[in-house]
C-alpha atoms as a PDB file:
ATOM      1  CA  MET A   1      96.960 129.102 180.097  1.00  0.00           C
ATOM      2  CA  ALA A   2      94.388 130.426 182.559  1.00  0.00           C
ATOM      3  CA  THR A   3      93.183 133.923 181.718  1.00  0.00           C
ATOM      4  CA  MET A   4      90.538 136.397 182.833  1.00  0.00           C
ATOM      5  CA  GLY A   5      88.824 138.531 180.205  1.00  0.00           C
ATOM      6  CA  ILE A   6      90.006 139.678 176.807  1.00  0.00           C
ATOM      7  CA  ASN A   7      91.367 143.068 175.889  1.00  0.00           C
ATOM      8  CA  SER A   8      91.948 143.285 172.149  1.00  0.00           C
ATOM      9  CA  VAL A   9      92.822 141.513 168.924  1.00  0.00           C
ATOM     10  CA  LYS A  10      95.303 142.914 166.416  1.00  0.00           C
ATOM     11  CA  ILE A  11      94.674 141.724 162.846  1.00  0.00           C
ATOM     12  CA  ALA A  12      96.575 142.162 159.583  1.00  0.00           C
ATOM     13  CA  LEU A  13      96.594 140.840 156.057  1.00  0.00           C
ATOM     14  CA  VAL A  14      99.863 139.090 155.209  1.00  0.00           C
ATOM     15  CA  ASP A  15     101.483 137.699 152.094  1.00  0.00           C
ATOM     16  CA  LYS A  16     102.505 134.070 151.599  1.00  0.00           C
ATOM     17  CA  THR A  17     105.744 134.644 153.537  1.00  0.00           C
ATOM     18  CA  GLY A  18     103.938 136.233 156.488  1.00  0.00           C
ATOM     19  CA  VAL A  19     104.889 139.843 155.744  1.00  0.00           C
ATOM     20  CA  VAL A  20     102.217 142.412 156.613  1.00  0.00           C
ATOM     21  CA  ILE A  21     100.498 144.024 153.619  1.00  0.00           C
ATOM     22  CA  LYS A  22     100.054 147.795 153.904  1.00  0.00           C
ATOM     23  CA  GLY A  23      98.458 150.545 151.858  1.00  0.00           C
ATOM     24  CA  ALA A  24      95.648 150.064 149.361  1.00  0.00           C
ATOM     25  CA  ASP A  25      95.937 146.258 149.463  1.00  0.00           C
ATOM     26  CA  GLY A  26      96.119 146.085 153.250  1.00  0.00           C
ATOM     27  CA  ILE A  27      93.411 145.616 155.850  1.00  0.00           C
ATOM     28  CA  PHE A  28      92.316 149.280 155.757  1.00  0.00           C
ATOM     29  CA  LYS A  29      92.132 149.386 151.923  1.00  0.00           C
ATOM     30  CA  ASP A  30      93.659 152.840 152.180  1.00  0.00           C
ATOM     31  CA  ALA A  31      96.716 153.973 150.226  1.00  0.00           C
ATOM     32  CA  LYS A  32      97.681 156.220 153.152  1.00  0.00           C
ATOM     33  CA  ASP A  33      97.900 153.288 155.572  1.00  0.00           C
ATOM     34  CA  THR A  34     101.458 152.734 156.810  1.00  0.00           C
ATOM     35  CA  SER A  35     100.895 150.092 159.505  1.00  0.00           C
ATOM     36  CA  GLY A  36      98.664 147.406 158.004  1.00  0.00           C
ATOM     37  CA  ILE A  37      97.514 146.375 161.494  1.00  0.00           C
ATOM     38  CA  PHE A  38      93.977 146.929 162.803  1.00  0.00           C
ATOM     39  CA  THR A  39      93.307 146.767 166.550  1.00  0.00           C
ATOM     40  CA  ALA A  40      89.827 145.523 167.440  1.00  0.00           C
ATOM     41  CA  ASP A  41      88.826 146.666 170.933  1.00  0.00           C
ATOM     42  CA  GLN A  42      86.071 148.506 172.778  1.00  0.00           C
ATOM     43  CA  TYR A  43      86.869 151.712 170.902  1.00  0.00           C
ATOM     44  CA  THR A  44      87.007 150.443 167.318  1.00  0.00           C
ATOM     45  CA  SER A  45      84.679 147.415 167.388  1.00  0.00           C
ATOM     46  CA  LYS A  46      82.612 147.625 170.576  1.00  0.00           C
ATOM     47  CA  GLY A  47      84.864 145.015 172.100  1.00  0.00           C
ATOM     48  CA  ILE A  48      85.814 141.372 171.707  1.00  0.00           C
ATOM     49  CA  ALA A  49      83.438 138.675 172.933  1.00  0.00           C
ATOM     50  CA  THR A  50      85.659 135.596 172.567  1.00  0.00           C
ATOM     51  CA  VAL A  51      88.726 134.186 170.859  1.00  0.00           C
ATOM     52  CA  ALA A  52      88.386 130.395 170.726  1.00  0.00           C
ATOM     53  CA  LEU A  53      91.194 128.149 169.487  1.00  0.00           C
ATOM     54  CA  SER A  54      90.776 124.494 168.576  1.00  0.00           C
ATOM     55  CA  GLY A  55      92.696 121.729 166.833  1.00  0.00           C
ATOM     56  CA  LEU A  56      95.926 122.686 168.588  1.00  0.00           C
ATOM     57  CA  THR A  57      97.052 119.067 168.746  1.00  0.00           C
ATOM     58  CA  GLY A  58      96.302 116.007 166.666  1.00  0.00           C
ATOM     59  CA  THR A  59      95.073 112.578 167.654  1.00  0.00           C
ATOM     60  CA  VAL A  60      97.219 110.490 169.993  1.00  0.00           C
ATOM     61  CA  SER A  61      97.118 106.815 169.000  1.00  0.00           C
ATOM     62  CA  PRO A  62      98.628 103.858 170.875  1.00  0.00           C
ATOM     63  CA  VAL A  63     101.239 101.675 169.208  1.00  0.00           C
ATOM     64  CA  TRP A  64     101.170  98.062 170.357  1.00  0.00           C
ATOM     65  CA  GLY A  65     104.084  95.667 170.556  1.00  0.00           C
ATOM     66  CA  SER A  66     104.673  92.433 172.454  1.00  0.00           C
ATOM     67  CA  ASN A  67     101.118  92.641 173.795  1.00  0.00           C
ATOM     68  CA  VAL A  68     101.646  96.011 175.486  1.00  0.00           C
ATOM     69  CA  ILE A  69     101.449  99.679 174.509  1.00  0.00           C
ATOM     70  CA  VAL A  70     105.010 100.634 173.724  1.00  0.00           C
ATOM     71  CA  TYR A  71     104.527 104.100 172.269  1.00  0.00           C
ATOM     72  CA  GLN A  72     101.969 106.825 171.695  1.00  0.00           C
ATOM     73  CA  SER A  73     101.920 108.137 168.134  1.00  0.00           C
ATOM     74  CA  ALA A  74     101.104 111.861 168.110  1.00  0.00           C
ATOM     75  CA  GLY A  75      99.391 113.193 165.013  1.00  0.00           C
ATOM     76  CA  LYS A  76      99.604 116.807 163.944  1.00  0.00           C
ATOM     77  CA  GLY A  77      96.737 119.164 164.675  1.00  0.00           C
ATOM     78  CA  THR A  78      95.068 121.615 162.314  1.00  0.00           C
ATOM     79  CA  PRO A  79      94.638 124.750 164.433  1.00  0.00           C
ATOM     80  CA  SER A  80      91.778 127.119 163.801  1.00  0.00           C
ATOM     81  CA  SER A  81      90.523 130.155 165.655  1.00  0.00           C
ATOM     82  CA  VAL A  82      87.062 131.661 165.980  1.00  0.00           C
ATOM     83  CA  LEU A  83      87.027 135.415 166.614  1.00  0.00           C
ATOM     84  CA  THR A  84      83.717 136.749 167.903  1.00  0.00           C
ATOM     85  CA  ILE A  85      83.724 140.530 167.722  1.00  0.00           C
ATOM     86  CA  ASN A  86      80.746 142.710 168.545  1.00  0.00           C
ATOM     87  CA  ASP A  87      80.956 145.189 165.672  1.00  0.00           C
ATOM     88  CA  LEU A  88      83.786 145.010 163.149  1.00  0.00           C
ATOM     89  CA  PRO A  89      83.895 147.945 160.722  1.00  0.00           C
ATOM     90  CA  ASN A  90      82.545 146.761 157.376  1.00  0.00           C
ATOM     91  CA  VAL A  91      85.708 147.539 155.392  1.00  0.00           C
ATOM     92  CA  ILE A  92      87.874 145.660 157.903  1.00  0.00           C
ATOM     93  CA  LYS A  93      85.581 142.630 157.989  1.00  0.00           C
ATOM     94  CA  GLN A  94      85.386 142.314 154.216  1.00  0.00           C
ATOM     95  CA  ALA A  95      89.159 142.740 153.925  1.00  0.00           C
ATOM     96  CA  ILE A  96      89.672 139.900 156.420  1.00  0.00           C
ATOM     97  CA  LEU A  97      87.310 137.707 154.399  1.00  0.00           C
ATOM     98  CA  GLY A  98      89.024 138.652 151.131  1.00  0.00           C
ATOM     99  CA  ASN A  99      85.948 140.204 149.536  1.00  0.00           C
ATOM    100  CA  ASP A 100      86.342 143.080 147.096  1.00  0.00           C
ATOM    101  CA  LEU A 101      84.061 146.096 146.860  1.00  0.00           C
ATOM    102  CA  THR A 102      82.071 146.107 143.615  1.00  0.00           C
ATOM    103  CA  THR A 103      81.274 149.148 141.509  1.00  0.00           C
ATOM    104  CA  LYS A 104      77.730 148.972 142.887  1.00  0.00           C
ATOM    105  CA  GLY A 105      78.867 149.326 146.489  1.00  0.00           C
ATOM    106  CA  GLY A 106      78.396 145.700 147.537  1.00  0.00           C
ATOM    107  CA  TYR A 107      80.502 142.678 148.424  1.00  0.00           C
ATOM    108  CA  LYS A 108      79.725 139.538 146.443  1.00  0.00           C
ATOM    109  CA  ILE A 109      78.749 136.356 148.307  1.00  0.00           C
ATOM    110  CA  SER A 110      80.944 133.867 146.427  1.00  0.00           C
ATOM    111  CA  GLY A 111      80.084 130.776 148.460  1.00  0.00           C
ATOM    112  CA  LYS A 112      83.694 129.946 149.299  1.00  0.00           C
ATOM    113  CA  ALA A 113      86.548 131.311 151.377  1.00  0.00           C
ATOM    114  CA  ASN A 114      89.435 133.052 149.672  1.00  0.00           C
ATOM    115  CA  PRO A 115      92.549 130.902 150.332  1.00  0.00           C
ATOM    116  CA  ASP A 116      94.844 133.534 148.791  1.00  0.00           C
ATOM    117  CA  ASN A 117      93.770 136.139 151.364  1.00  0.00           C
ATOM    118  CA  LEU A 118      95.926 135.392 154.415  1.00  0.00           C
ATOM    119  CA  VAL A 119      95.315 136.811 157.890  1.00  0.00           C
ATOM    120  CA  ALA A 120      97.509 137.043 161.006  1.00  0.00           C
ATOM    121  CA  PHE A 121      96.219 137.962 164.455  1.00  0.00           C
ATOM    122  CA  LEU A 122      97.387 138.542 168.011  1.00  0.00           C
ATOM    123  CA  ALA A 123      94.926 138.337 170.921  1.00  0.00           C
ATOM    124  CA  GLU A 124      95.618 139.924 174.325  1.00  0.00           C
ATOM    125  CA  SER A 125      93.878 138.812 177.512  1.00  0.00           C
ATOM    126  CA  ARG A 126      92.779 141.379 180.078  1.00  0.00           C
ATOM    127  CA  GLU A 127      94.937 139.650 182.687  1.00  0.00           C
ATOM    128  CA  ALA A 128      96.056 136.226 183.796  1.00  0.00           C
ATOM    129  CA  PHE A 129      94.094 134.301 186.391  1.00  0.00           C
ATOM    130  CA  ASP A 130      96.137 135.248 189.437  1.00  0.00           C
ATOM    131  CA  ASP A 131      97.794 138.535 188.433  1.00  0.00           C
ATOM    132  CA  ASP A 132      97.440 141.520 186.109  1.00  0.00           C
ATOM    133  CA  ALA A 133      99.980 140.326 183.524  1.00  0.00           C
ATOM    134  CA  PRO A 134      98.332 139.789 180.116  1.00  0.00           C
ATOM    135  CA  VAL A 135      98.624 136.543 178.193  1.00  0.00           C
ATOM    136  CA  TYR A 136      98.855 136.587 174.396  1.00  0.00           C
ATOM    137  CA  VAL A 137      98.211 134.129 171.598  1.00  0.00           C
ATOM    138  CA  GLY A 138      99.114 134.798 167.995  1.00  0.00           C
ATOM    139  CA  MET A 139      98.553 132.928 164.744  1.00  0.00           C
ATOM    140  CA  TYR A 140     100.958 133.694 161.902  1.00  0.00           C
ATOM    141  CA  MET A 141      98.646 133.145 158.954  1.00  0.00           C
ATOM    142  CA  GLY A 142      95.381 131.542 157.976  1.00  0.00           C
ATOM    143  CA  THR A 143      92.323 131.705 155.749  1.00  0.00           C
ATOM    144  CA  ALA A 144      89.309 133.554 157.126  1.00  0.00           C
ATOM    145  CA  SER A 145      85.687 132.562 156.573  1.00  0.00           C
ATOM    146  CA  GLU A 146      82.212 133.423 157.833  1.00  0.00           C
ATOM    147  CA  ALA A 147      79.912 130.402 157.730  1.00  0.00           C
ATOM    148  CA  SER A 148      76.659 132.151 158.603  1.00  0.00           C
ATOM    149  CA  THR A 149      75.050 135.354 159.742  1.00  0.00           C
ATOM    150  CA  THR A 150      71.632 135.970 161.261  1.00  0.00           C
ATOM    151  CA  MET A 151      69.319 138.953 161.411  1.00  0.00           C
ATOM    152  CA  GLY A 152      66.592 138.847 164.057  1.00  0.00           C
ATOM    153  CA  THR A 153      63.695 141.021 165.120  1.00  0.00           C
ATOM    154  CA  ASN A 154      63.964 143.284 168.119  1.00  0.00           C
ATOM    155  CA  ASN A 155      61.415 142.725 170.860  1.00  0.00           C
ATOM    156  CA  THR A 156      61.508 144.029 174.404  1.00  0.00           C
ATOM    157  CA  ASN A 157      65.266 143.716 174.014  1.00  0.00           C
ATOM    158  CA  ASP A 158      67.622 144.593 171.177  1.00  0.00           C
ATOM    159  CA  VAL A 159      68.575 141.528 169.142  1.00  0.00           C
ATOM    160  CA  ARG A 160      72.157 141.925 168.061  1.00  0.00           C
ATOM    161  CA  ASN A 161      74.265 139.993 165.570  1.00  0.00           C
ATOM    162  CA  THR A 162      77.992 139.656 166.194  1.00  0.00           C
ATOM    163  CA  ASP A 163      80.786 139.136 163.678  1.00  0.00           C
ATOM    164  CA  VAL A 164      82.005 135.537 163.927  1.00  0.00           C
ATOM    165  CA  ILE A 165      85.131 134.919 161.863  1.00  0.00           C
ATOM    166  CA  THR A 166      86.869 131.549 161.640  1.00  0.00           C
ATOM    167  CA  ILE A 167      90.558 131.599 160.749  1.00  0.00           C
ATOM    168  CA  SER A 168      91.889 128.220 159.598  1.00  0.00           C
ATOM    169  CA  GLY A 169      95.623 128.196 160.212  1.00  0.00           C
ATOM    170  CA  ILE A 170      98.445 127.278 157.891  1.00  0.00           C
ATOM    171  CA  GLU A 171     102.091 127.018 158.844  1.00  0.00           C
ATOM    172  CA  ARG A 172     104.604 129.785 158.213  1.00  0.00           C
ATOM    173  CA  GLY A 173     107.330 127.421 157.136  1.00  0.00           C
ATOM    174  CA  LYS A 174     109.320 126.083 160.089  1.00  0.00           C
ATOM    175  CA  ASP A 175     107.885 128.819 162.335  1.00  0.00           C
ATOM    176  CA  GLY A 176     104.749 126.734 162.740  1.00  0.00           C
ATOM    177  CA  PHE A 177     101.211 128.003 163.286  1.00  0.00           C
ATOM    178  CA  GLY A 178     101.798 130.584 166.011  1.00  0.00           C
ATOM    179  CA  SER A 179     102.822 131.066 169.641  1.00  0.00           C
ATOM    180  CA  HIS A 180     101.690 131.823 173.169  1.00  0.00           C
ATOM    181  CA  TRP A 181     103.366 134.634 175.089  1.00  0.00           C
ATOM    182  CA  PHE A 182     103.301 135.373 178.831  1.00  0.00           C
ATOM    183  CA  SER A 183     104.079 138.961 179.755  1.00  0.00           C
ATOM    184  CA  ASP A 184     105.285 137.986 183.222  1.00  0.00           C
ATOM    185  CA  SER A 185     108.120 135.973 181.671  1.00  0.00           C
ATOM    186  CA  ASN A 186     111.573 137.448 182.305  1.00  0.00           C
ATOM    187  CA  SER A 187     112.443 137.211 178.610  1.00  0.00           C
ATOM    188  CA  PHE A 188     109.190 138.772 177.340  1.00  0.00           C
ATOM    189  CA  LYS A 189     109.482 141.821 175.110  1.00  0.00           C
ATOM    190  CA  GLU A 190     106.347 143.176 173.478  1.00  0.00           C
ATOM    191  CA  SER A 191     108.278 144.536 170.503  1.00  0.00           C
ATOM    192  CA  ASP A 192     109.753 141.086 169.817  1.00  0.00           C
ATOM    193  CA  MET A 193     106.285 139.535 169.963  1.00  0.00           C
ATOM    194  CA  ILE A 194     104.798 142.110 167.578  1.00  0.00           C
ATOM    195  CA  SER A 195     107.604 141.683 165.060  1.00  0.00           C
ATOM    196  CA  ASP A 196     107.255 137.904 165.260  1.00  0.00           C
ATOM    197  CA  VAL A 197     103.538 137.858 164.443  1.00  0.00           C
ATOM    198  CA  PHE A 198     103.504 140.854 162.120  1.00  0.00           C
ATOM    199  CA  LYS A 199     106.633 140.544 160.000  1.00  0.00           C
ATOM    200  CA  THR A 200     107.888 143.442 157.954  1.00  0.00           C
ATOM    201  CA  ALA A 201     109.660 143.151 154.622  1.00  0.00           C
ATOM    202  CA  THR A 202     113.022 143.928 156.206  1.00  0.00           C
ATOM    203  CA  ALA A 203     112.632 141.812 159.341  1.00  0.00           C
ATOM    204  CA  PRO A 204     114.427 138.451 159.496  1.00  0.00           C
ATOM    205  CA  SER A 205     112.344 135.333 159.901  1.00  0.00           C
ATOM    206  CA  SER A 206     111.716 134.264 163.500  1.00  0.00           C
ATOM    207  CA  GLY A 207     112.800 130.793 162.498  1.00  0.00           C
ATOM    208  CA  GLY A 208     113.473 128.543 159.532  1.00  0.00           C
ATOM    209  CA  THR A 209     112.248 128.723 156.002  1.00  0.00           C
ATOM    210  CA  THR A 210     109.196 130.852 155.290  1.00  0.00           C
ATOM    211  CA  GLY A 211     108.917 130.288 151.575  1.00  0.00           C
ATOM    212  CA  GLN A 212     111.007 133.279 150.548  1.00  0.00           C
END
């Protein structure tokens, strides 16, 4: 999956079945919200720096028999994604992390991630390596965390801190962790991709049991 650049990341809060949460409990924390999906790009968040995925496959271990390797045992990976975004709006960032606004206007540092606050995302590349067709990767649900943050002094240059969010994936039933999409594929439909990652309450599952 060779790509050039990154365009945007769509993010939503989802319930345990992968359905997007809207309104006051959604990512905007706004009762008037009817989409539940926030798009981070150069207009809303001063752009995306990187989307880095790891743990996509597990360890491959040889199985020996009759003095030769007869099989390779493939373990299951534990995918996680690190989203580095230049300037997430505060409300959006705290919603992704599962932190609630206190009556004193702050967000408590609890010292642990919130495993009940599930996040789905869909990242879009600027283009593929040899053409202008975007490549996408989406994760159906996961727990978001922020391990550290740093403030530094300005000097002859501005010293900026970015928002670095790790999303540790869990499986959406038989749907798995997520998918890659290639927009130059003959069968690609953006609407199908969006409805797969960001399920609605009336949409059928994209595959298998989802816990409903």
